[in-house]
């Protein structure tokens, strides 16, 4: 694994050099893990398990006593520095030793208060170090996946699909959304997931018209749509899948909506290949849904990248500027949502290849819709 991190560090240093920076501060948890192997997690926005400071010839992982031993074991390419009086107070000395004068930082991750505190400490210590926001640079370091990352995602997806097949053996009308969501979470853990990609969504009946519904005490009834959106983590990599099922017999409207979503997804996946435009791929699915009579019923983007984070680049949406490249992993998840009635969403994960999309899923899209 050390070779992987050496290659990533080399590539990242090349990107930093192009930006005319002589150092970079990594505080985003996924980027920190990607570049070092350190798995420490930040429990909330204003807490940190550590930062990376990368210069032309050195790399330091600064953390506190809770993570020192873990960092030493996992980030073997890094000098581990334990700070005792807080990161902002001790960071200036580290930067000075590394002779950093123009340092990039992740403006999407660093809070205004943290930036102000660091600037204050630098000034008080008489250090002339320029802090340069470099959002675009770190947005792109993980966007193309190597085969190790693709294999981890494939394994995470297999765990997620196997867990879903297990709960289908016993869910029935009369159970609540929360009961079913918890059962799926248990199966994910028992099946080998390191954790959840995000909280499980189980949304039934009218609740299925809410793309990010929170499972509640609603009783699941026969013959209504039930949207499941779930994912497992494996080696830090996230899977993300959505299926819509029905316990009983779908009526004609539900069949039509489900069929329309399936067709839109297939059309979009056929258009995915190296060089394709994220906005254009989204438009293919959106046009089909609208032409079938469901205009303005598909509000969110068609898909997003996944990796160490559940939402990352590239994007497939009306606002996307992404051009797809080999190795990118994207979700393809069209949906139709009708307030008061319900909704249908189907989601696959695919790898962008030179001449098409490699679908990572094996789980059927017509579970519960065998009569379509």
Protein backbone atom coordinates (compact mmCIF):
# COMPACT_ATOMS: atom_id res chain seq x y z
CA UNK A 1 0.00 0.00 0.00
CA UNK A 2 2.89 2.41 0.63
CA UNK A 3 3.52 2.50 -3.13
CA UNK A 4 -0.02 3.73 -3.70
CA UNK A 5 0.46 6.60 -1.25
CA UNK A 6 3.85 7.46 -2.75
CA UNK A 7 2.25 7.72 -6.18
CA UNK A 8 -0.61 9.85 -4.86
CA UNK A 9 1.79 12.17 -3.03
CA UNK A 10 3.89 12.60 -6.15
CA UNK A 11 0.84 13.43 -8.25
CA UNK A 12 -0.46 15.84 -5.63
CA UNK A 13 2.90 17.62 -5.37
CA UNK A 14 2.88 18.13 -9.12
CA UNK A 15 -0.55 19.78 -8.85
CA UNK A 16 0.65 22.00 -5.98
CA UNK A 17 3.71 23.05 -7.97
CA UNK A 18 1.56 24.09 -10.94
CA UNK A 19 -0.34 26.41 -8.59
CA UNK A 20 2.94 28.09 -7.53
CA UNK A 21 2.57 26.94 -3.93
CA UNK A 22 5.37 25.61 -1.76
CA UNK A 23 3.11 23.82 0.69
CA UNK A 24 -0.43 22.62 1.26
CA UNK A 25 -2.59 22.08 4.33
CA UNK A 26 -5.02 19.14 4.06
CA UNK A 27 -7.82 19.16 6.63
CA UNK A 28 -10.59 17.33 4.74
CA UNK A 29 -10.91 13.84 6.20
CA UNK A 30 -11.28 11.98 2.91
CA UNK A 31 -8.35 13.80 1.30
CA UNK A 32 -6.27 13.18 4.42
CA UNK A 33 -6.96 9.44 4.21
CA UNK A 34 -6.43 9.35 0.44
CA UNK A 35 -2.97 10.91 0.67
CA UNK A 36 -1.72 9.24 3.85
CA UNK A 37 -3.71 6.14 4.80
CA UNK A 38 -4.64 7.68 8.18
CA UNK A 39 -8.22 6.61 9.01
CA UNK A 40 -8.96 8.99 11.87
CA UNK A 41 -12.40 10.56 11.53
CA UNK A 42 -13.62 14.06 12.32
CA UNK A 43 -16.72 13.69 14.45
CA UNK A 44 -18.09 17.13 13.56
CA UNK A 45 -17.19 20.26 11.60
CA UNK A 46 -15.31 21.99 14.41
CA UNK A 47 -13.34 18.91 15.50
CA UNK A 48 -10.35 17.36 13.77
CA UNK A 49 -8.34 14.18 14.09
CA UNK A 50 -5.43 15.88 12.37
CA UNK A 51 -4.09 17.65 9.29
CA UNK A 52 -1.48 16.95 6.65
CA UNK A 53 1.17 19.53 5.80
CA UNK A 54 2.80 18.68 2.50
CA UNK A 55 5.80 20.59 1.16
CA UNK A 56 8.13 19.90 -1.75
CA UNK A 57 10.30 17.46 0.19
CA UNK A 58 8.47 16.71 3.43
CA UNK A 59 5.12 15.51 4.67
CA UNK A 60 3.85 15.88 8.23
CA UNK A 61 0.72 14.58 9.93
CA UNK A 62 -0.11 16.80 12.89
CA UNK A 63 -2.55 15.33 15.41
CA UNK A 64 -3.26 15.15 19.14
CA UNK A 65 -2.65 12.43 21.72
CA UNK A 66 -5.90 10.61 20.90
CA UNK A 67 -4.58 9.66 17.47
CA UNK A 68 -0.78 9.67 17.74
CA UNK A 69 -0.36 5.90 17.90
CA UNK A 70 -2.92 5.28 15.16
CA UNK A 71 -1.34 7.88 12.90
CA UNK A 72 2.11 6.38 13.42
CA UNK A 73 0.85 2.93 12.43
CA UNK A 74 -1.23 3.99 9.42
CA UNK A 75 0.57 7.00 7.89
CA UNK A 76 3.97 5.38 7.55
CA UNK A 77 5.27 7.87 4.97
CA UNK A 78 4.63 10.84 7.27
CA UNK A 79 6.41 12.43 10.19
CA UNK A 80 3.80 12.41 12.95
CA UNK A 81 3.79 15.52 15.13
CA UNK A 82 1.65 15.60 18.28
CA UNK A 83 0.30 19.03 19.19
CA UNK A 84 -0.53 19.74 22.82
CA UNK A 85 -1.79 23.34 22.89
CA UNK A 86 -4.00 23.23 19.81
CA UNK A 87 -3.32 23.02 16.09
CA UNK A 88 -3.53 26.75 15.33
CA UNK A 89 -0.97 27.60 18.02
CA UNK A 90 1.59 24.97 16.97
CA UNK A 91 1.08 24.98 13.21
CA UNK A 92 3.17 28.14 12.61
CA UNK A 93 6.28 26.44 13.99
CA UNK A 94 5.75 23.42 11.74
CA UNK A 95 5.32 25.65 8.68
CA UNK A 96 8.44 27.61 9.58
CA UNK A 97 10.55 24.45 9.89
CA UNK A 98 9.33 23.32 6.46
CA UNK A 99 10.20 26.74 5.02
CA UNK A 100 6.68 27.22 3.65
CA UNK A 101 5.87 30.76 2.55
CA UNK A 102 2.88 30.29 0.28
CA UNK A 103 0.51 27.62 1.56
CA UNK A 104 -2.63 26.36 -0.10
CA UNK A 105 -5.57 25.31 2.04
CA UNK A 106 -8.98 23.72 1.51
CA UNK A 107 -11.35 26.66 1.64
CA UNK A 108 -14.36 24.31 1.48
CA UNK A 109 -13.26 22.63 4.70
CA UNK A 110 -11.60 25.36 6.79
CA UNK A 111 -14.08 27.46 8.77
CA UNK A 112 -13.77 31.25 8.78
CA UNK A 113 -13.03 31.16 12.51
CA UNK A 114 -10.22 28.63 11.98
CA UNK A 115 -8.72 30.76 9.23
CA UNK A 116 -8.85 33.85 11.41
CA UNK A 117 -7.22 32.04 14.34
CA UNK A 118 -4.40 30.70 12.17
CA UNK A 119 -3.79 34.13 10.61
CA UNK A 120 -3.64 35.65 14.08
CA UNK A 121 -1.07 33.10 15.28
CA UNK A 122 1.09 33.62 12.19
CA UNK A 123 1.10 37.38 12.68
CA UNK A 124 1.88 37.13 16.39
CA UNK A 125 4.86 34.90 15.63
CA UNK A 126 6.09 37.27 12.93
CA UNK A 127 5.78 34.75 10.10
CA UNK A 128 5.10 36.04 6.60
CA UNK A 129 3.15 33.03 5.31
CA UNK A 130 0.45 33.61 2.72
CA UNK A 131 -2.65 31.40 3.02
CA UNK A 132 -4.02 30.67 -0.44
CA UNK A 133 -7.51 29.17 -0.91
CA UNK A 134 -7.30 26.33 -3.42
CA UNK A 135 -10.70 24.68 -3.57
CA UNK A 136 -10.43 23.44 -7.15
CA UNK A 137 -7.12 21.65 -6.58
CA UNK A 138 -8.39 19.35 -3.83
CA UNK A 139 -11.77 18.90 -5.47
CA UNK A 140 -10.07 16.90 -8.21
CA UNK A 141 -7.39 14.81 -6.53
CA UNK A 142 -9.72 11.83 -5.96
CA UNK A 143 -11.99 12.17 -9.00
CA UNK A 144 -10.41 9.34 -11.07
CA UNK A 145 -10.26 5.98 -9.34
CA UNK A 146 -7.57 3.35 -9.74
CA UNK A 147 -8.47 -0.35 -9.92
CA UNK A 148 -7.93 -0.80 -6.17
CA UNK A 149 -10.55 1.85 -5.48
CA UNK A 150 -12.92 0.39 -8.05
CA UNK A 151 -12.55 -3.08 -6.48
CA UNK A 152 -13.29 -1.65 -3.01
CA UNK A 153 -16.42 0.03 -4.36
CA UNK A 154 -17.46 -3.20 -6.08
CA UNK A 155 -17.06 -5.07 -2.77
CA UNK A 156 -19.00 -2.40 -0.87
CA UNK A 157 -21.79 -2.72 -3.42
CA UNK A 158 -21.85 -6.52 -3.16
CA UNK A 159 -22.21 -6.25 0.63
CA UNK A 160 -25.07 -3.76 0.21
CA UNK A 161 -26.93 -5.85 -2.34
CA UNK A 162 -26.59 -9.06 -0.32
CA UNK A 163 -27.98 -7.29 2.76
CA UNK A 164 -30.97 -6.03 0.80
CA UNK A 165 -31.77 -9.50 -0.49
CA UNK A 166 -31.75 -10.74 3.10
CA UNK A 167 -34.33 -8.23 4.33
CA UNK A 168 -36.60 -8.96 1.39
CA UNK A 169 -37.10 -12.42 2.92
CA UNK A 170 -39.02 -11.07 5.89
CA UNK A 171 -40.34 -7.54 5.36
CA UNK A 172 -44.11 -7.39 5.13
CA UNK A 173 -47.02 -4.95 5.32
CA UNK A 174 -47.60 -3.73 8.86
CA UNK A 175 -43.93 -3.08 9.62
CA UNK A 176 -42.83 0.52 10.07
CA UNK A 177 -40.28 2.31 7.92
CA UNK A 178 -37.96 2.58 10.92
CA UNK A 179 -38.16 -1.15 11.63
CA UNK A 180 -37.25 -2.04 8.07
CA UNK A 181 -34.47 0.57 7.87
CA UNK A 182 -32.93 -0.79 11.08
CA UNK A 183 -33.16 -4.37 9.80
CA UNK A 184 -31.26 -3.35 6.66
CA UNK A 185 -28.61 -1.56 8.70
CA UNK A 186 -28.09 -4.67 10.83
CA UNK A 187 -27.70 -6.85 7.74
CA UNK A 188 -25.17 -4.40 6.29
CA UNK A 189 -23.07 -4.62 9.43
CA UNK A 190 -23.39 -8.39 9.67
CA UNK A 191 -22.44 -8.69 6.00
CA UNK A 192 -19.05 -7.06 6.50
CA UNK A 193 -19.64 -3.34 6.03
CA UNK A 194 -17.12 -1.09 7.79
CA UNK A 195 -19.98 1.37 8.22
CA UNK A 196 -22.86 2.97 6.38
CA UNK A 197 -22.32 5.29 3.44
CA UNK A 198 -25.23 7.37 4.82
CA UNK A 199 -28.33 6.70 6.96
CA UNK A 200 -30.62 4.13 5.33
CA UNK A 201 -33.68 5.56 3.56
CA UNK A 202 -36.89 3.53 3.64
CA UNK A 203 -39.80 5.66 2.41
CA UNK A 204 -43.25 4.22 1.75
CA UNK A 205 -46.41 5.50 0.09
CA UNK A 206 -46.56 9.31 -0.07
CA UNK A 207 -43.23 9.51 1.79
CA UNK A 208 -41.52 8.00 -1.25
CA UNK A 209 -42.10 11.33 -3.02
CA UNK A 210 -39.41 12.78 -0.72
CA UNK A 211 -36.02 12.01 -2.30
CA UNK A 212 -34.22 12.17 1.07
CA UNK A 213 -37.02 10.97 3.32
CA UNK A 214 -36.21 10.02 6.90
CA UNK A 215 -37.66 6.64 7.98
CA UNK A 216 -40.45 7.16 10.49
CA UNK A 217 -43.29 5.36 12.25
CA UNK A 218 -45.46 5.13 9.15
CA UNK A 219 -46.88 1.65 8.61
CA UNK A 220 -45.98 0.12 5.25
CA UNK A 221 -49.09 -0.88 3.30
CA UNK A 222 -49.60 -3.35 0.45
CA UNK A 223 -49.51 -2.22 -3.18
CA UNK A 224 -47.67 1.09 -2.63
CA UNK A 225 -44.17 2.19 -3.68
CA UNK A 226 -41.37 1.73 -1.17
CA UNK A 227 -38.10 3.50 -1.97
CA UNK A 228 -34.92 2.11 -0.43
CA UNK A 229 -31.67 4.08 -0.70
CA UNK A 230 -28.72 2.55 1.12
CA UNK A 231 -25.00 1.95 0.96
CA UNK A 232 -22.14 0.14 2.65
CA UNK A 233 -18.55 1.20 3.20
CA UNK A 234 -15.66 -1.15 2.53
CA UNK A 235 -12.05 -0.05 3.10
CA UNK A 236 -13.52 3.46 3.34
CA UNK A 237 -15.17 3.36 -0.10
CA UNK A 238 -18.88 4.00 -0.43
CA UNK A 239 -21.55 2.14 -2.34
CA UNK A 240 -24.86 3.82 -3.15
CA UNK A 241 -27.94 2.02 -4.44
CA UNK A 242 -31.65 2.74 -4.74
CA UNK A 243 -34.45 0.33 -5.51
CA UNK A 244 -38.20 0.84 -5.47
CA UNK A 245 -40.31 -2.17 -4.58
CA UNK A 246 -43.95 -2.94 -3.84
CA UNK A 247 -45.35 -5.51 -1.42
CA UNK A 248 -48.30 -6.83 -3.36
CA UNK A 249 -49.44 -5.84 -6.83
CA UNK A 250 -48.52 -2.50 -8.43
CA UNK A 251 -51.35 -0.63 -10.12
CA UNK A 252 -51.07 0.63 -13.69
CA UNK A 253 -49.80 4.07 -12.68
CA UNK A 254 -47.05 2.64 -10.49
CA UNK A 255 -46.04 0.27 -13.28
CA UNK A 256 -45.85 3.15 -15.75
CA UNK A 257 -43.77 5.35 -13.44
CA UNK A 258 -41.38 2.50 -12.66
CA UNK A 259 -40.99 1.59 -16.33
CA UNK A 260 -40.33 5.22 -17.27
CA UNK A 261 -37.58 5.52 -14.65
CA UNK A 262 -35.99 2.25 -15.79
CA UNK A 263 -35.96 3.41 -19.40
CA UNK A 264 -34.50 6.81 -18.48
CA UNK A 265 -31.71 5.16 -16.52
CA UNK A 266 -30.83 2.72 -19.30
CA UNK A 267 -30.72 5.52 -21.88
CA UNK A 268 -28.42 7.59 -19.68
CA UNK A 269 -26.08 4.69 -18.93
CA UNK A 270 -25.76 3.96 -22.64
CA UNK A 271 -24.51 7.53 -23.14
CA UNK A 272 -21.82 7.33 -20.45
CA UNK A 273 -18.28 6.99 -21.80
CA UNK A 274 -14.99 8.87 -21.74
CA UNK A 275 -15.51 12.37 -23.13
CA UNK A 276 -19.24 12.51 -22.42
CA UNK A 277 -20.64 15.70 -20.91
CA UNK A 278 -22.26 15.37 -17.49
CA UNK A 279 -24.97 17.86 -18.37
CA UNK A 280 -25.79 16.11 -21.65
CA UNK A 281 -26.09 12.69 -19.96
CA UNK A 282 -28.47 14.16 -17.39
CA UNK A 283 -30.54 15.73 -20.17
CA UNK A 284 -31.07 12.37 -21.88
CA UNK A 285 -32.80 10.93 -18.81
CA UNK A 286 -34.64 14.16 -18.06
CA UNK A 287 -36.01 14.46 -21.61
CA UNK A 288 -37.38 10.93 -21.53
CA UNK A 289 -39.13 11.48 -18.21
CA UNK A 290 -40.67 14.72 -19.42
CA UNK A 291 -41.79 13.29 -22.77
CA UNK A 292 -43.53 10.44 -20.97
CA UNK A 293 -45.76 12.87 -19.12
CA UNK A 294 -43.84 13.59 -15.92
CA UNK A 295 -42.48 17.07 -16.51
CA UNK A 296 -41.15 18.78 -13.36
CA UNK A 297 -41.33 15.50 -11.43
CA UNK A 298 -37.56 14.87 -11.53
CA UNK A 299 -35.99 17.67 -9.54
CA UNK A 300 -32.53 16.47 -8.50
CA UNK A 301 -29.47 15.73 -10.60
CA UNK A 302 -29.05 12.40 -12.34
CA UNK A 303 -25.96 11.36 -10.44
CA UNK A 304 -22.74 12.08 -8.60
CA UNK A 305 -19.34 10.60 -8.01
CA UNK A 306 -18.62 8.32 -5.08
CA UNK A 307 -15.42 7.29 -3.38
CA UNK A 308 -14.16 7.88 0.15
CA UNK A 309 -17.05 10.38 0.34
CA UNK A 310 -20.59 9.54 -0.69
CA UNK A 311 -20.91 12.72 -2.74
CA UNK A 312 -17.93 13.84 -4.80
CA UNK A 313 -17.08 14.69 -8.39
CA UNK A 314 -18.03 14.32 -11.15
CA UNK A 315 -21.66 15.43 -11.37
CA UNK A 316 -24.43 14.49 -13.76
CA UNK A 317 -26.91 17.35 -13.54
CA UNK A 318 -28.35 20.33 -15.42
CA UNK A 319 -25.62 22.45 -13.81
CA UNK A 320 -22.73 20.05 -14.44
CA UNK A 321 -19.54 21.17 -16.14
CA UNK A 322 -17.98 17.70 -15.81
CA UNK A 323 -16.41 15.90 -18.74
CA UNK A 324 -16.27 12.20 -17.93
CA UNK A 325 -12.91 10.47 -17.86
CA UNK A 326 -11.88 6.81 -17.56
CA UNK A 327 -11.86 5.60 -13.96
CA UNK A 328 -14.54 7.95 -12.68
CA UNK A 329 -17.33 6.30 -10.69
CA UNK A 330 -20.79 7.85 -10.92
CA UNK A 331 -24.28 7.02 -9.77
CA UNK A 332 -27.14 7.03 -12.27
CA UNK A 333 -30.33 7.62 -10.31
CA UNK A 334 -33.31 9.12 -12.14
CA UNK A 335 -36.58 9.43 -10.26
CA UNK A 336 -40.16 10.56 -10.53
CA UNK A 337 -41.82 12.13 -7.48
CA UNK A 338 -45.52 12.95 -7.23
CA UNK A 339 -46.55 14.74 -4.00
CA UNK A 340 -49.35 12.99 -2.14
CA UNK A 341 -48.96 9.82 -4.21
CA UNK A 342 -45.35 8.68 -3.97
CA UNK A 343 -42.22 8.22 -6.01
CA UNK A 344 -39.89 5.85 -7.79
CA UNK A 345 -36.09 6.02 -7.99
CA UNK A 346 -33.63 3.44 -9.36
CA UNK A 347 -29.88 3.82 -8.86
CA UNK A 348 -26.81 2.05 -10.21
CA UNK A 349 -23.12 2.80 -9.81
CA UNK A 350 -21.03 2.69 -12.97
CA UNK A 351 -17.37 3.09 -13.87
CA UNK A 352 -16.59 5.31 -16.84
CA UNK A 353 -14.55 3.41 -19.40
CA UNK A 354 -13.18 4.56 -22.76
CA UNK A 355 -16.07 3.24 -24.80
CA UNK A 356 -18.90 2.94 -22.32
CA UNK A 357 -20.04 2.40 -18.75
CA UNK A 358 -19.19 -0.64 -16.66
CA UNK A 359 -22.18 -1.30 -14.40
CA UNK A 360 -21.09 -2.47 -10.95
CA UNK A 361 -24.55 -3.58 -9.75
CA UNK A 362 -25.97 -7.07 -10.14
CA UNK A 363 -29.21 -6.51 -8.20
CA UNK A 364 -32.35 -6.56 -10.38
CA UNK A 365 -34.23 -3.31 -10.95
CA UNK A 366 -37.64 -5.01 -11.05
CA UNK A 367 -37.84 -6.57 -7.60
CA UNK A 368 -41.52 -6.45 -6.71
CA UNK A 369 -42.42 -5.45 -10.26
CA UNK A 370 -42.33 -8.89 -11.85
CA UNK A 371 -45.50 -8.18 -13.81
CA UNK A 372 -44.09 -5.16 -15.67
